């Protein structure tokens, strides 16, 4: 297997028996797990498909990206959390550095409309 190191970097381990018949040469012996997320054959199949299009390129199963997005969302600042002025400035500065600052990876909005700016100008 040319890309075995890519699977190992993603947490998959295999037993490879070159002498077994076709279809029985590779056995999954270890899969990545993280809290309530587990991975398996479907993720290996997805990686094989991705590596067919991009040989030797580091790929990750889409479910790993979903797991990271879910964790990032849960660790984020929630509506109603009190923030100091420096924390607010830091948050806005960091949001200006990301590709899609208007929503989280799940599609939830990251900003809340509080008032109309034109009303602020007229006072």
C-alpha atoms as a PDB file:
ATOM      1  CA  UNK A   1       0.000   0.000   0.000  1.00  0.00           C
ATOM      2  CA  UNK A   2       1.583   3.205  -1.221  1.00  0.00           C
ATOM      3  CA  UNK A   3      -0.375   5.503   1.103  1.00  0.00           C
ATOM      4  CA  UNK A   4      -0.299   3.454   4.303  1.00  0.00           C
ATOM      5  CA  UNK A   5       1.396   6.319   6.198  1.00  0.00           C
ATOM      6  CA  UNK A   6      -1.587   8.594   5.440  1.00  0.00           C
ATOM      7  CA  UNK A   7      -3.990   6.089   6.987  1.00  0.00           C
ATOM      8  CA  UNK A   8      -1.695   5.702  10.002  1.00  0.00           C
ATOM      9  CA  UNK A   9      -1.541   9.487  10.497  1.00  0.00           C
ATOM     10  CA  UNK A  10      -5.348   9.426  10.614  1.00  0.00           C
ATOM     11  CA  UNK A  11      -5.278   6.724  13.322  1.00  0.00           C
ATOM     12  CA  UNK A  12      -6.004   3.617  11.237  1.00  0.00           C
ATOM     13  CA  UNK A  13      -3.841   0.496  11.594  1.00  0.00           C
ATOM     14  CA  UNK A  14      -3.907  -2.533   9.314  1.00  0.00           C
ATOM     15  CA  UNK A  15      -2.570  -6.083   9.136  1.00  0.00           C
ATOM     16  CA  UNK A  16      -1.418  -6.818   5.605  1.00  0.00           C
ATOM     17  CA  UNK A  17      -1.030 -10.439   4.483  1.00  0.00           C
ATOM     18  CA  UNK A  18       0.287 -10.569   0.929  1.00  0.00           C
ATOM     19  CA  UNK A  19      -0.297 -14.341   0.750  1.00  0.00           C
ATOM     20  CA  UNK A  20      -4.053 -14.213   1.386  1.00  0.00           C
ATOM     21  CA  UNK A  21      -6.462 -14.321  -1.519  1.00  0.00           C
ATOM     22  CA  UNK A  22      -7.594 -11.142  -3.205  1.00  0.00           C
ATOM     23  CA  UNK A  23     -10.121  -9.299  -1.036  1.00  0.00           C
ATOM     24  CA  UNK A  24      -8.660 -10.755   2.178  1.00  0.00           C
ATOM     25  CA  UNK A  25      -5.159  -9.273   2.205  1.00  0.00           C
ATOM     26  CA  UNK A  26      -5.885  -6.270   4.414  1.00  0.00           C
ATOM     27  CA  UNK A  27      -7.540  -6.299   7.820  1.00  0.00           C
ATOM     28  CA  UNK A  28      -8.362  -3.177   9.860  1.00  0.00           C
ATOM     29  CA  UNK A  29      -6.989  -3.758  13.363  1.00  0.00           C
ATOM     30  CA  UNK A  30      -7.315  -0.274  14.854  1.00  0.00           C
ATOM     31  CA  UNK A  31      -9.521   2.722  14.096  1.00  0.00           C
ATOM     32  CA  UNK A  32      -9.398   6.247  15.515  1.00  0.00           C
ATOM     33  CA  UNK A  33     -11.843   7.096  18.299  1.00  0.00           C
ATOM     34  CA  UNK A  34     -12.413  10.363  20.081  1.00  0.00           C
ATOM     35  CA  UNK A  35     -15.020  10.707  22.823  1.00  0.00           C
ATOM     36  CA  UNK A  36     -18.324   9.724  21.132  1.00  0.00           C
ATOM     37  CA  UNK A  37     -16.863   9.750  17.614  1.00  0.00           C
ATOM     38  CA  UNK A  38     -15.716   6.466  16.087  1.00  0.00           C
ATOM     39  CA  UNK A  39     -14.499   5.754  12.596  1.00  0.00           C
ATOM     40  CA  UNK A  40     -14.536   2.640  10.442  1.00  0.00           C
ATOM     41  CA  UNK A  41     -14.664   1.014   7.029  1.00  0.00           C
ATOM     42  CA  UNK A  42     -16.765   3.791   5.459  1.00  0.00           C
ATOM     43  CA  UNK A  43     -14.083   6.322   6.391  1.00  0.00           C
ATOM     44  CA  UNK A  44     -11.353   4.088   4.925  1.00  0.00           C
ATOM     45  CA  UNK A  45     -13.410   3.770   1.722  1.00  0.00           C
ATOM     46  CA  UNK A  46     -13.771   7.560   1.552  1.00  0.00           C
ATOM     47  CA  UNK A  47     -10.024   8.029   2.004  1.00  0.00           C
ATOM     48  CA  UNK A  48      -9.279   5.483  -0.740  1.00  0.00           C
ATOM     49  CA  UNK A  49     -11.596   7.412  -3.066  1.00  0.00           C
ATOM     50  CA  UNK A  50      -9.894  10.726  -2.185  1.00  0.00           C
ATOM     51  CA  UNK A  51      -6.431   9.217  -2.681  1.00  0.00           C
ATOM     52  CA  UNK A  52      -7.470   7.912  -6.107  1.00  0.00           C
ATOM     53  CA  UNK A  53      -7.917  11.531  -7.212  1.00  0.00           C
ATOM     54  CA  UNK A  54      -4.932  12.884  -5.214  1.00  0.00           C
ATOM     55  CA  UNK A  55      -2.286  10.163  -4.763  1.00  0.00           C
ATOM     56  CA  UNK A  56       0.173  10.673  -1.887  1.00  0.00           C
ATOM     57  CA  UNK A  57      -1.660  13.814  -0.711  1.00  0.00           C
ATOM     58  CA  UNK A  58      -2.595  14.030   2.976  1.00  0.00           C
ATOM     59  CA  UNK A  59      -6.356  13.509   3.194  1.00  0.00           C
ATOM     60  CA  UNK A  60      -8.751  13.182   6.106  1.00  0.00           C
ATOM     61  CA  UNK A  61     -12.197  11.583   6.238  1.00  0.00           C
ATOM     62  CA  UNK A  62     -14.939  14.232   6.139  1.00  0.00           C
ATOM     63  CA  UNK A  63     -16.225  12.956   9.499  1.00  0.00           C
ATOM     64  CA  UNK A  64     -12.966  14.080  11.144  1.00  0.00           C
ATOM     65  CA  UNK A  65     -13.597  17.608   9.872  1.00  0.00           C
ATOM     66  CA  UNK A  66     -17.167  17.370  11.211  1.00  0.00           C
ATOM     67  CA  UNK A  67     -15.810  16.289  14.600  1.00  0.00           C
ATOM     68  CA  UNK A  68     -13.376  19.228  14.756  1.00  0.00           C
ATOM     69  CA  UNK A  69     -16.109  21.659  13.669  1.00  0.00           C
ATOM     70  CA  UNK A  70     -18.458  20.324  16.331  1.00  0.00           C
ATOM     71  CA  UNK A  71     -15.834  20.708  19.048  1.00  0.00           C
ATOM     72  CA  UNK A  72     -14.891  24.193  17.925  1.00  0.00           C
ATOM     73  CA  UNK A  73     -18.543  25.215  17.991  1.00  0.00           C
ATOM     74  CA  UNK A  74     -19.053  23.907  21.522  1.00  0.00           C
ATOM     75  CA  UNK A  75     -15.933  25.711  22.761  1.00  0.00           C
ATOM     76  CA  UNK A  76     -16.991  29.028  21.256  1.00  0.00           C
ATOM     77  CA  UNK A  77     -18.421  32.091  22.977  1.00  0.00           C
ATOM     78  CA  UNK A  78     -22.166  31.601  23.419  1.00  0.00           C
ATOM     79  CA  UNK A  79     -24.905  34.225  23.262  1.00  0.00           C
ATOM     80  CA  UNK A  80     -25.313  35.795  26.682  1.00  0.00           C
ATOM     81  CA  UNK A  81     -21.677  35.316  27.720  1.00  0.00           C
ATOM     82  CA  UNK A  82     -20.295  38.473  29.347  1.00  0.00           C
ATOM     83  CA  UNK A  83     -17.190  39.801  27.599  1.00  0.00           C
ATOM     84  CA  UNK A  84     -14.778  42.568  28.506  1.00  0.00           C
ATOM     85  CA  UNK A  85     -13.923  45.251  25.916  1.00  0.00           C
ATOM     86  CA  UNK A  86     -10.485  43.659  25.210  1.00  0.00           C
ATOM     87  CA  UNK A  87     -12.151  40.242  24.748  1.00  0.00           C
ATOM     88  CA  UNK A  88     -14.669  41.768  22.309  1.00  0.00           C
ATOM     89  CA  UNK A  89     -11.906  43.446  20.301  1.00  0.00           C
ATOM     90  CA  UNK A  90      -9.899  40.216  20.153  1.00  0.00           C
ATOM     91  CA  UNK A  91     -12.964  38.257  19.037  1.00  0.00           C
ATOM     92  CA  UNK A  92     -13.827  40.720  16.248  1.00  0.00           C
ATOM     93  CA  UNK A  93     -10.183  40.805  15.126  1.00  0.00           C
ATOM     94  CA  UNK A  94     -10.039  37.002  14.888  1.00  0.00           C
ATOM     95  CA  UNK A  95     -13.370  36.828  13.047  1.00  0.00           C
ATOM     96  CA  UNK A  96     -11.885  39.150  10.433  1.00  0.00           C
ATOM     97  CA  UNK A  97      -9.206  36.531   9.758  1.00  0.00           C
ATOM     98  CA  UNK A  98     -11.485  33.588   8.928  1.00  0.00           C
ATOM     99  CA  UNK A  99     -13.055  32.723   5.585  1.00  0.00           C
ATOM    100  CA  UNK A 100     -16.702  32.736   6.651  1.00  0.00           C
ATOM    101  CA  UNK A 101     -17.103  34.868   9.777  1.00  0.00           C
ATOM    102  CA  UNK A 102     -20.912  35.124   9.487  1.00  0.00           C
ATOM    103  CA  UNK A 103     -21.651  31.539  10.516  1.00  0.00           C
ATOM    104  CA  UNK A 104     -20.037  28.581  12.260  1.00  0.00           C
ATOM    105  CA  UNK A 105     -19.085  25.420  10.313  1.00  0.00           C
ATOM    106  CA  UNK A 106     -22.571  24.038  11.082  1.00  0.00           C
ATOM    107  CA  UNK A 107     -24.318  27.072   9.609  1.00  0.00           C
ATOM    108  CA  UNK A 108     -25.344  28.703  12.873  1.00  0.00           C
ATOM    109  CA  UNK A 109     -25.026  32.496  12.829  1.00  0.00           C
ATOM    110  CA  UNK A 110     -22.033  33.922  14.681  1.00  0.00           C
ATOM    111  CA  UNK A 111     -23.429  37.442  15.015  1.00  0.00           C
ATOM    112  CA  UNK A 112     -26.632  38.848  16.363  1.00  0.00           C
ATOM    113  CA  UNK A 113     -28.392  41.963  15.022  1.00  0.00           C
ATOM    114  CA  UNK A 114     -28.757  44.272  18.025  1.00  0.00           C
ATOM    115  CA  UNK A 115     -29.769  47.614  16.528  1.00  0.00           C
ATOM    116  CA  UNK A 116     -29.678  49.592  13.292  1.00  0.00           C
ATOM    117  CA  UNK A 117     -26.533  51.622  12.734  1.00  0.00           C
ATOM    118  CA  UNK A 118     -28.457  54.426  10.982  1.00  0.00           C
ATOM    119  CA  UNK A 119     -30.314  55.055  14.259  1.00  0.00           C
ATOM    120  CA  UNK A 120     -26.952  55.517  15.958  1.00  0.00           C
ATOM    121  CA  UNK A 121     -25.928  58.184  13.441  1.00  0.00           C
ATOM    122  CA  UNK A 122     -29.105  60.242  13.926  1.00  0.00           C
ATOM    123  CA  UNK A 123     -28.566  60.727  17.671  1.00  0.00           C
END
